[in-house]
């Protein structure tokens, strides 16, 4: 097993995280980072973003932008959200 830490970078305040990976997964991660000329941290951050894992601030910004660009009222948006949620739960 390999343990990797992500910490402060580029002057931004970041939490530290320790993860345990198989040797094969760690090697694949290192190779991907080298091929893409990115750090392992950048590879992980990109993967998290692609999987929809966002900070509360980022999510709030997305919601604010959607509200600004929306052509429907807040109550209509809530009704739509409820209908869509119910439809997806039935699947």
C-alpha atoms as a PDB file:
ATOM      1  CA  UNK A   1       0.000   0.000   0.000  1.00  0.00           C
ATOM      2  CA  UNK A   2       1.069   3.543  -0.689  1.00  0.00           C
ATOM      3  CA  UNK A   3       0.024   6.550   1.338  1.00  0.00           C
ATOM      4  CA  UNK A   4      -0.188   9.926  -0.383  1.00  0.00           C
ATOM      5  CA  UNK A   5      -0.828  13.340   1.150  1.00  0.00           C
ATOM      6  CA  UNK A   6      -2.348  16.394  -0.470  1.00  0.00           C
ATOM      7  CA  UNK A   7      -1.573  19.660   1.271  1.00  0.00           C
ATOM      8  CA  UNK A   8      -1.031  23.365   0.770  1.00  0.00           C
ATOM      9  CA  UNK A   9      -0.363  24.410  -2.772  1.00  0.00           C
ATOM     10  CA  UNK A  10      -0.072  27.630  -4.718  1.00  0.00           C
ATOM     11  CA  UNK A  11      -0.717  29.722  -1.630  1.00  0.00           C
ATOM     12  CA  UNK A  12      -4.262  28.406  -1.256  1.00  0.00           C
ATOM     13  CA  UNK A  13      -5.374  27.089   2.089  1.00  0.00           C
ATOM     14  CA  UNK A  14      -6.111  23.404   1.723  1.00  0.00           C
ATOM     15  CA  UNK A  15      -6.826  20.562   4.046  1.00  0.00           C
ATOM     16  CA  UNK A  16      -4.494  17.597   4.160  1.00  0.00           C
ATOM     17  CA  UNK A  17      -5.759  14.220   3.118  1.00  0.00           C
ATOM     18  CA  UNK A  18      -4.119  10.846   3.428  1.00  0.00           C
ATOM     19  CA  UNK A  19      -5.295   8.050   1.190  1.00  0.00           C
ATOM     20  CA  UNK A  20      -4.156   4.474   0.813  1.00  0.00           C
ATOM     21  CA  UNK A  21      -3.858   3.088  -2.705  1.00  0.00           C
ATOM     22  CA  UNK A  22      -2.712  -0.207  -4.121  1.00  0.00           C
ATOM     23  CA  UNK A  23       0.755  -0.067  -5.651  1.00  0.00           C
ATOM     24  CA  UNK A  24      -0.809  -0.573  -9.080  1.00  0.00           C
ATOM     25  CA  UNK A  25      -3.270   2.308  -8.637  1.00  0.00           C
ATOM     26  CA  UNK A  26      -0.530   4.603  -7.331  1.00  0.00           C
ATOM     27  CA  UNK A  27       1.704   3.749 -10.302  1.00  0.00           C
ATOM     28  CA  UNK A  28      -1.167   4.405 -12.719  1.00  0.00           C
ATOM     29  CA  UNK A  29      -1.826   7.753 -11.022  1.00  0.00           C
ATOM     30  CA  UNK A  30       1.844   8.747 -11.281  1.00  0.00           C
ATOM     31  CA  UNK A  31       1.939   7.752 -14.941  1.00  0.00           C
ATOM     32  CA  UNK A  32      -1.240   9.677 -15.734  1.00  0.00           C
ATOM     33  CA  UNK A  33       0.156  12.761 -14.000  1.00  0.00           C
ATOM     34  CA  UNK A  34       3.410  12.503 -15.944  1.00  0.00           C
ATOM     35  CA  UNK A  35       1.624  11.985 -19.282  1.00  0.00           C
ATOM     36  CA  UNK A  36      -0.632  14.984 -18.662  1.00  0.00           C
ATOM     37  CA  UNK A  37       2.190  17.083 -17.181  1.00  0.00           C
ATOM     38  CA  UNK A  38       0.096  17.647 -14.073  1.00  0.00           C
ATOM     39  CA  UNK A  39       0.618  17.027 -10.398  1.00  0.00           C
ATOM     40  CA  UNK A  40      -1.112  14.136  -8.682  1.00  0.00           C
ATOM     41  CA  UNK A  41      -3.137  16.748  -6.769  1.00  0.00           C
ATOM     42  CA  UNK A  42      -4.354  18.234 -10.052  1.00  0.00           C
ATOM     43  CA  UNK A  43      -5.338  14.796 -11.358  1.00  0.00           C
ATOM     44  CA  UNK A  44      -7.331  14.090  -8.185  1.00  0.00           C
ATOM     45  CA  UNK A  45      -8.963  17.552  -8.185  1.00  0.00           C
ATOM     46  CA  UNK A  46     -10.016  17.102 -11.833  1.00  0.00           C
ATOM     47  CA  UNK A  47     -11.413  13.652 -11.102  1.00  0.00           C
ATOM     48  CA  UNK A  48     -13.451  15.002  -8.202  1.00  0.00           C
ATOM     49  CA  UNK A  49     -14.846  17.822 -10.338  1.00  0.00           C
ATOM     50  CA  UNK A  50     -15.777  15.399 -13.116  1.00  0.00           C
ATOM     51  CA  UNK A  51     -17.656  13.293 -10.587  1.00  0.00           C
ATOM     52  CA  UNK A  52     -19.686  16.272  -9.429  1.00  0.00           C
ATOM     53  CA  UNK A  53     -17.913  16.787  -6.114  1.00  0.00           C
ATOM     54  CA  UNK A  54     -17.872  20.535  -5.582  1.00  0.00           C
ATOM     55  CA  UNK A  55     -17.394  22.875  -2.669  1.00  0.00           C
ATOM     56  CA  UNK A  56     -20.457  24.557  -1.184  1.00  0.00           C
ATOM     57  CA  UNK A  57     -19.217  27.866  -2.547  1.00  0.00           C
ATOM     58  CA  UNK A  58     -18.887  26.482  -6.083  1.00  0.00           C
ATOM     59  CA  UNK A  59     -22.314  24.850  -5.874  1.00  0.00           C
ATOM     60  CA  UNK A  60     -23.817  28.122  -4.603  1.00  0.00           C
ATOM     61  CA  UNK A  61     -22.217  29.996  -7.506  1.00  0.00           C
ATOM     62  CA  UNK A  62     -23.702  27.528  -9.992  1.00  0.00           C
ATOM     63  CA  UNK A  63     -27.150  27.902  -8.424  1.00  0.00           C
ATOM     64  CA  UNK A  64     -26.866  31.705  -8.421  1.00  0.00           C
ATOM     65  CA  UNK A  65     -25.897  31.717 -12.095  1.00  0.00           C
ATOM     66  CA  UNK A  66     -28.761  29.374 -12.970  1.00  0.00           C
ATOM     67  CA  UNK A  67     -31.217  31.594 -11.096  1.00  0.00           C
ATOM     68  CA  UNK A  68     -29.890  34.685 -12.830  1.00  0.00           C
ATOM     69  CA  UNK A  69     -30.276  33.092 -16.273  1.00  0.00           C
ATOM     70  CA  UNK A  70     -33.586  31.373 -15.581  1.00  0.00           C
ATOM     71  CA  UNK A  71     -36.789  32.429 -17.236  1.00  0.00           C
ATOM     72  CA  UNK A  72     -39.005  30.932 -14.508  1.00  0.00           C
ATOM     73  CA  UNK A  73     -39.942  32.045 -11.017  1.00  0.00           C
ATOM     74  CA  UNK A  74     -38.541  30.449  -7.877  1.00  0.00           C
ATOM     75  CA  UNK A  75     -41.829  28.634  -7.167  1.00  0.00           C
ATOM     76  CA  UNK A  76     -41.933  27.295 -10.738  1.00  0.00           C
ATOM     77  CA  UNK A  77     -38.343  26.139 -10.347  1.00  0.00           C
ATOM     78  CA  UNK A  78     -39.195  24.353  -7.098  1.00  0.00           C
ATOM     79  CA  UNK A  79     -42.196  22.644  -8.716  1.00  0.00           C
ATOM     80  CA  UNK A  80     -40.013  21.523 -11.609  1.00  0.00           C
ATOM     81  CA  UNK A  81     -37.328  20.220  -9.244  1.00  0.00           C
ATOM     82  CA  UNK A  82     -39.882  18.231  -7.251  1.00  0.00           C
ATOM     83  CA  UNK A  83     -41.400  16.724 -10.417  1.00  0.00           C
ATOM     84  CA  UNK A  84     -37.975  15.779 -11.792  1.00  0.00           C
ATOM     85  CA  UNK A  85     -36.869  14.290  -8.471  1.00  0.00           C
ATOM     86  CA  UNK A  86     -40.023  12.194  -8.215  1.00  0.00           C
ATOM     87  CA  UNK A  87     -39.682  11.022 -11.825  1.00  0.00           C
ATOM     88  CA  UNK A  88     -36.069   9.957 -11.249  1.00  0.00           C
ATOM     89  CA  UNK A  89     -36.945   8.113  -8.038  1.00  0.00           C
ATOM     90  CA  UNK A  90     -39.535   6.023  -9.907  1.00  0.00           C
ATOM     91  CA  UNK A  91     -36.900   4.739 -12.346  1.00  0.00           C
END
